[in-house]
Amino acid sequence: MRGVVAGEVLRIALPVVVLLWLAFRHRLWGAWPVLLGAFVVSGGIGALRWYAIYRI
């Protein structure tokens, strides 16, 4: 179970880290509001999925 959790965290965190790096390197600086919104929405959906899985 811990391996699954670690894999899911890595699968979610790695793209976010890459996008943040690109944003801070000014390659995506103009798109940061969209990136932030996408991060909040995807994080919320991910949290709800884990909550639903935990409840089953």
Protein backbone atom coordinates (compact mmCIF):
# COMPACT_ATOMS: atom_id res chain seq x y z
CA MET A 1 0.00 0.00 0.00
CA ARG A 2 2.84 2.43 0.79
CA GLY A 3 4.33 1.87 -2.65
CA VAL A 4 1.03 2.75 -4.27
CA VAL A 5 0.74 5.94 -2.24
CA ALA A 6 4.34 6.90 -3.02
CA GLY A 7 3.75 6.25 -6.71
CA GLU A 8 0.59 8.35 -6.76
CA VAL A 9 2.29 11.22 -4.93
CA LEU A 10 5.19 11.10 -7.37
CA ARG A 11 2.85 10.93 -10.34
CA ILE A 12 1.02 14.04 -9.11
CA ALA A 13 3.96 15.99 -7.67
CA LEU A 14 6.48 15.59 -10.48
CA PRO A 15 4.45 17.39 -13.18
CA VAL A 16 3.58 20.14 -10.71
CA VAL A 17 7.24 20.62 -9.85
CA VAL A 18 8.16 20.80 -13.55
CA LEU A 19 5.41 23.33 -14.25
CA LEU A 20 6.46 25.46 -11.29
CA TRP A 21 10.07 25.33 -12.45
CA LEU A 22 9.04 26.46 -15.94
CA ALA A 23 6.89 29.23 -14.49
CA PHE A 24 9.66 30.54 -12.27
CA ARG A 25 12.16 30.39 -15.11
CA HIS A 26 9.79 32.84 -16.86
CA ARG A 27 8.94 30.42 -19.63
CA LEU A 28 5.33 30.18 -18.45
CA TRP A 29 5.22 33.29 -16.28
CA GLY A 30 2.20 34.74 -18.06
CA ALA A 31 0.22 31.57 -17.48
CA TRP A 32 0.73 31.31 -13.71
CA PRO A 33 -2.93 32.05 -12.81
CA VAL A 34 -4.05 29.15 -15.00
CA LEU A 35 -1.36 26.91 -13.51
CA LEU A 36 -2.44 27.81 -10.00
CA GLY A 37 -6.09 27.16 -10.81
CA ALA A 38 -5.25 23.82 -12.40
CA PHE A 39 -3.17 22.87 -9.36
CA VAL A 40 -6.01 23.70 -6.96
CA VAL A 41 -8.62 21.84 -9.02
CA SER A 42 -6.47 18.76 -9.61
CA GLY A 43 -5.41 18.70 -5.96
CA GLY A 44 -9.02 18.90 -4.83
CA ILE A 45 -10.10 16.14 -7.20
CA GLY A 46 -7.18 13.97 -6.10
CA ALA A 47 -8.05 14.50 -2.44
CA LEU A 48 -11.69 13.60 -3.08
CA ARG A 49 -10.62 10.46 -4.94
CA TRP A 50 -8.42 9.36 -2.05
CA TYR A 51 -11.23 10.10 0.40
CA ALA A 52 -13.63 8.03 -1.70
CA ILE A 53 -11.17 5.14 -1.94
CA TYR A 54 -10.52 5.29 1.80
CA ARG A 55 -14.26 5.15 2.55
CA ILE A 56 -14.78 2.00 0.44
